[in-house]
Amino acid sequence: MGWLSNLFSKKEASGSVAKQRLQMVLVQDRSDVTPGVMELIKDEIIEVLARHLSINADEVMVKLTQTARESRLVAEVPILNDRKRN
């Protein structure tokens, strides 16, 4: 059954992953945001949100996307179910 599960698994193709990585590099290059600055932004977002919410800091993702009309900074922050004390 191993080959059957491999046949129907939803793995991303390596070409798709490479394309996403290249797009991220191009967006960062065009917006003059260095990877170091992106990491600082991510750390600060984690710091601020952790004051008020229980989050999974290890899984926070910050992405910069760009279209012809706009640039967007998108942060995906997993929020844990346990309540953070106020």
N, C-alpha and C. Protein backbone atom coordinates (compact mmCIF):
# COMPACT_ATOMS: atom_id res chain seq x y z
N MET A 1 0.82 -1.21 0.00
CA MET A 1 0.00 0.00 0.00
C MET A 1 0.85 1.26 0.00
N GLY A 2 2.17 1.13 0.27
CA GLY A 2 3.04 2.30 0.31
C GLY A 2 3.06 3.06 -1.00
N TRP A 3 3.10 2.32 -2.12
CA TRP A 3 3.13 3.00 -3.41
C TRP A 3 1.82 3.72 -3.70
N LEU A 4 0.72 3.16 -3.18
CA LEU A 4 -0.58 3.77 -3.40
C LEU A 4 -0.69 5.10 -2.64
N SER A 5 -0.20 5.12 -1.40
CA SER A 5 -0.25 6.38 -0.65
C SER A 5 0.68 7.41 -1.27
N ASN A 6 1.82 6.96 -1.82
CA ASN A 6 2.72 7.89 -2.51
C ASN A 6 2.06 8.47 -3.75
N LEU A 7 1.26 7.65 -4.41
CA LEU A 7 0.58 8.09 -5.62
C LEU A 7 -0.43 9.19 -5.33
N PHE A 8 -1.14 9.06 -4.20
CA PHE A 8 -2.20 10.02 -3.88
C PHE A 8 -1.79 11.06 -2.84
N SER A 9 -0.54 11.08 -2.43
CA SER A 9 -0.11 12.07 -1.44
C SER A 9 -0.09 13.45 -2.08
N LYS A 10 -0.21 14.46 -1.24
CA LYS A 10 -0.29 15.83 -1.73
C LYS A 10 1.01 16.58 -1.45
N LYS A 11 2.13 15.99 -1.81
CA LYS A 11 3.42 16.65 -1.66
C LYS A 11 3.54 17.72 -2.74
N GLU A 12 4.18 18.84 -2.34
CA GLU A 12 4.44 19.86 -3.34
C GLU A 12 5.63 19.42 -4.19
N ALA A 13 5.54 19.65 -5.47
CA ALA A 13 6.65 19.32 -6.36
C ALA A 13 7.82 20.24 -6.06
N SER A 14 9.02 19.72 -6.24
CA SER A 14 10.20 20.53 -5.95
C SER A 14 10.25 21.77 -6.82
N GLY A 15 9.74 21.68 -8.03
CA GLY A 15 9.69 22.86 -8.89
C GLY A 15 8.79 23.95 -8.33
N SER A 16 7.69 23.54 -7.72
CA SER A 16 6.76 24.50 -7.11
C SER A 16 7.41 25.19 -5.91
N VAL A 17 8.10 24.41 -5.10
CA VAL A 17 8.79 24.97 -3.93
C VAL A 17 9.88 25.94 -4.38
N ALA A 18 10.64 25.55 -5.39
CA ALA A 18 11.71 26.42 -5.90
C ALA A 18 11.13 27.71 -6.47
N LYS A 19 10.00 27.62 -7.14
CA LYS A 19 9.35 28.80 -7.70
C LYS A 19 8.91 29.76 -6.59
N GLN A 20 8.33 29.21 -5.50
CA GLN A 20 7.90 30.05 -4.38
C GLN A 20 9.10 30.75 -3.74
N ARG A 21 10.19 30.02 -3.57
CA ARG A 21 11.39 30.62 -2.98
C ARG A 21 11.96 31.72 -3.87
N LEU A 22 11.99 31.49 -5.17
CA LEU A 22 12.48 32.50 -6.09
C LEU A 22 11.59 33.74 -6.07
N GLN A 23 10.28 33.55 -6.03
CA GLN A 23 9.37 34.69 -5.95
C GLN A 23 9.63 35.51 -4.69
N MET A 24 9.87 34.82 -3.56
CA MET A 24 10.14 35.52 -2.31
C MET A 24 11.42 36.34 -2.41
N VAL A 25 12.46 35.76 -3.01
CA VAL A 25 13.73 36.47 -3.18
C VAL A 25 13.54 37.68 -4.07
N LEU A 26 12.78 37.53 -5.16
CA LEU A 26 12.56 38.65 -6.07
C LEU A 26 11.77 39.78 -5.41
N VAL A 27 10.75 39.43 -4.64
CA VAL A 27 9.96 40.44 -3.94
C VAL A 27 10.83 41.19 -2.94
N GLN A 28 11.63 40.47 -2.18
CA GLN A 28 12.50 41.13 -1.21
C GLN A 28 13.51 42.02 -1.90
N ASP A 29 14.03 41.57 -3.04
CA ASP A 29 15.01 42.36 -3.78
C ASP A 29 14.39 43.64 -4.32
N ARG A 30 13.19 43.54 -4.86
CA ARG A 30 12.52 44.71 -5.43
C ARG A 30 12.07 45.70 -4.37
N SER A 31 11.79 45.23 -3.18
CA SER A 31 11.28 46.12 -2.14
C SER A 31 12.39 46.64 -1.24
N ASP A 32 13.62 46.29 -1.50
CA ASP A 32 14.77 46.72 -0.71
C ASP A 32 14.67 46.30 0.75
N VAL A 33 14.02 45.19 1.02
CA VAL A 33 13.93 44.65 2.37
C VAL A 33 14.88 43.45 2.44
N THR A 34 15.92 43.59 3.22
CA THR A 34 16.91 42.52 3.32
C THR A 34 16.38 41.40 4.19
N PRO A 35 16.92 40.20 4.04
CA PRO A 35 16.50 39.10 4.92
C PRO A 35 16.71 39.41 6.40
N GLY A 36 17.75 40.17 6.72
CA GLY A 36 17.98 40.57 8.11
C GLY A 36 16.86 41.44 8.65
N VAL A 37 16.38 42.38 7.84
CA VAL A 37 15.28 43.25 8.24
C VAL A 37 14.01 42.43 8.39
N MET A 38 13.78 41.49 7.47
CA MET A 38 12.60 40.63 7.58
C MET A 38 12.63 39.83 8.88
N GLU A 39 13.79 39.36 9.27
CA GLU A 39 13.92 38.60 10.52
C GLU A 39 13.66 39.50 11.73
N LEU A 40 14.13 40.75 11.69
CA LEU A 40 13.85 41.70 12.77
C LEU A 40 12.35 41.99 12.88
N ILE A 41 11.70 42.18 11.74
CA ILE A 41 10.26 42.42 11.73
C ILE A 41 9.53 41.23 12.34
N LYS A 42 9.92 40.03 11.94
CA LYS A 42 9.30 38.81 12.47
C LYS A 42 9.49 38.73 13.98
N ASP A 43 10.70 39.00 14.47
CA ASP A 43 10.97 38.94 15.91
C ASP A 43 10.13 39.95 16.68
N GLU A 44 9.98 41.15 16.13
CA GLU A 44 9.19 42.18 16.80
C GLU A 44 7.70 41.83 16.81
N ILE A 45 7.21 41.27 15.72
CA ILE A 45 5.80 40.84 15.68
C ILE A 45 5.56 39.79 16.76
N ILE A 46 6.47 38.82 16.85
CA ILE A 46 6.35 37.77 17.86
C ILE A 46 6.36 38.37 19.26
N GLU A 47 7.27 39.29 19.50
CA GLU A 47 7.39 39.92 20.83
C GLU A 47 6.10 40.64 21.23
N VAL A 48 5.54 41.41 20.33
CA VAL A 48 4.33 42.19 20.64
C VAL A 48 3.13 41.27 20.85
N LEU A 49 2.94 40.32 19.95
CA LEU A 49 1.78 39.44 20.08
C LEU A 49 1.87 38.52 21.30
N ALA A 50 3.08 38.10 21.64
CA ALA A 50 3.26 37.21 22.79
C ALA A 50 2.90 37.90 24.11
N ARG A 51 2.90 39.22 24.13
CA ARG A 51 2.48 39.95 25.34
C ARG A 51 0.99 39.76 25.61
N HIS A 52 0.21 39.54 24.58
CA HIS A 52 -1.24 39.51 24.71
C HIS A 52 -1.89 38.17 24.39
N LEU A 53 -1.18 37.32 23.65
CA LEU A 53 -1.75 36.04 23.22
C LEU A 53 -0.75 34.92 23.43
N SER A 54 -1.26 33.71 23.56
CA SER A 54 -0.39 32.54 23.55
C SER A 54 -0.22 32.14 22.09
N ILE A 55 1.01 32.23 21.60
CA ILE A 55 1.28 31.90 20.20
C ILE A 55 2.37 30.86 20.10
N ASN A 56 2.44 30.22 18.96
CA ASN A 56 3.51 29.28 18.67
C ASN A 56 4.57 30.03 17.87
N ALA A 57 5.56 30.58 18.55
CA ALA A 57 6.56 31.43 17.91
C ALA A 57 7.40 30.68 16.88
N ASP A 58 7.55 29.37 17.05
CA ASP A 58 8.36 28.59 16.12
C ASP A 58 7.73 28.46 14.74
N GLU A 59 6.43 28.66 14.66
CA GLU A 59 5.73 28.47 13.39
C GLU A 59 5.26 29.79 12.76
N VAL A 60 5.71 30.92 13.29
CA VAL A 60 5.34 32.22 12.71
C VAL A 60 6.03 32.37 11.36
N MET A 61 5.25 32.79 10.37
CA MET A 61 5.79 33.03 9.04
C MET A 61 5.46 34.45 8.61
N VAL A 62 6.45 35.17 8.13
CA VAL A 62 6.25 36.52 7.63
C VAL A 62 6.64 36.52 6.16
N LYS A 63 5.74 36.99 5.32
CA LYS A 63 5.97 37.00 3.88
C LYS A 63 5.75 38.40 3.34
N LEU A 64 6.51 38.75 2.34
CA LEU A 64 6.34 40.01 1.64
C LEU A 64 5.93 39.66 0.22
N THR A 65 4.75 40.11 -0.19
CA THR A 65 4.28 39.84 -1.54
C THR A 65 4.12 41.16 -2.28
N GLN A 66 4.23 41.08 -3.59
CA GLN A 66 4.16 42.30 -4.38
C GLN A 66 3.40 42.04 -5.67
N THR A 67 2.51 42.95 -5.98
CA THR A 67 1.81 42.92 -7.26
C THR A 67 2.19 44.19 -8.00
N ALA A 68 1.61 44.39 -9.14
CA ALA A 68 1.89 45.60 -9.91
C ALA A 68 1.43 46.85 -9.17
N ARG A 69 0.41 46.70 -8.33
CA ARG A 69 -0.18 47.86 -7.66
C ARG A 69 0.26 48.06 -6.23
N GLU A 70 0.66 46.97 -5.52
CA GLU A 70 0.93 47.12 -4.09
C GLU A 70 1.89 46.07 -3.56
N SER A 71 2.45 46.37 -2.42
CA SER A 71 3.25 45.40 -1.67
C SER A 71 2.52 45.10 -0.38
N ARG A 72 2.60 43.84 0.07
CA ARG A 72 1.93 43.43 1.31
C ARG A 72 2.88 42.65 2.18
N LEU A 73 2.83 42.93 3.46
CA LEU A 73 3.54 42.14 4.45
C LEU A 73 2.47 41.31 5.15
N VAL A 74 2.60 39.99 5.07
CA VAL A 74 1.62 39.09 5.64
C VAL A 74 2.29 38.24 6.71
N ALA A 75 1.72 38.26 7.91
CA ALA A 75 2.24 37.45 9.01
C ALA A 75 1.22 36.37 9.35
N GLU A 76 1.68 35.13 9.33
CA GLU A 76 0.84 34.01 9.75
C GLU A 76 1.31 33.59 11.13
N VAL A 77 0.43 33.79 12.14
CA VAL A 77 0.80 33.55 13.52
C VAL A 77 -0.15 32.51 14.12
N PRO A 78 0.35 31.31 14.40
CA PRO A 78 -0.51 30.30 15.03
C PRO A 78 -0.83 30.68 16.47
N ILE A 79 -2.10 30.79 16.78
CA ILE A 79 -2.54 31.14 18.13
C ILE A 79 -2.93 29.86 18.85
N LEU A 80 -2.39 29.66 20.04
CA LEU A 80 -2.68 28.47 20.83
C LEU A 80 -4.01 28.62 21.55
N ASN A 81 -4.63 27.52 21.87
CA ASN A 81 -5.95 27.54 22.49
C ASN A 81 -5.94 28.01 23.94
N ASP A 82 -4.86 27.76 24.68
CA ASP A 82 -4.85 28.16 26.09
C ASP A 82 -4.83 29.69 26.17
N ARG A 83 -5.52 30.21 27.14
CA ARG A 83 -5.66 31.65 27.30
C ARG A 83 -4.44 32.25 28.00
N LYS A 84 -3.96 33.36 27.47
CA LYS A 84 -2.86 34.10 28.08
C LYS A 84 -3.44 34.97 29.18
N ARG A 85 -2.78 34.99 30.31
CA ARG A 85 -3.30 35.82 31.41
C ARG A 85 -3.08 37.28 31.09
N ASN A 86 -3.98 38.14 31.55
CA ASN A 86 -3.91 39.58 31.28
C ASN A 86 -3.07 40.29 32.28
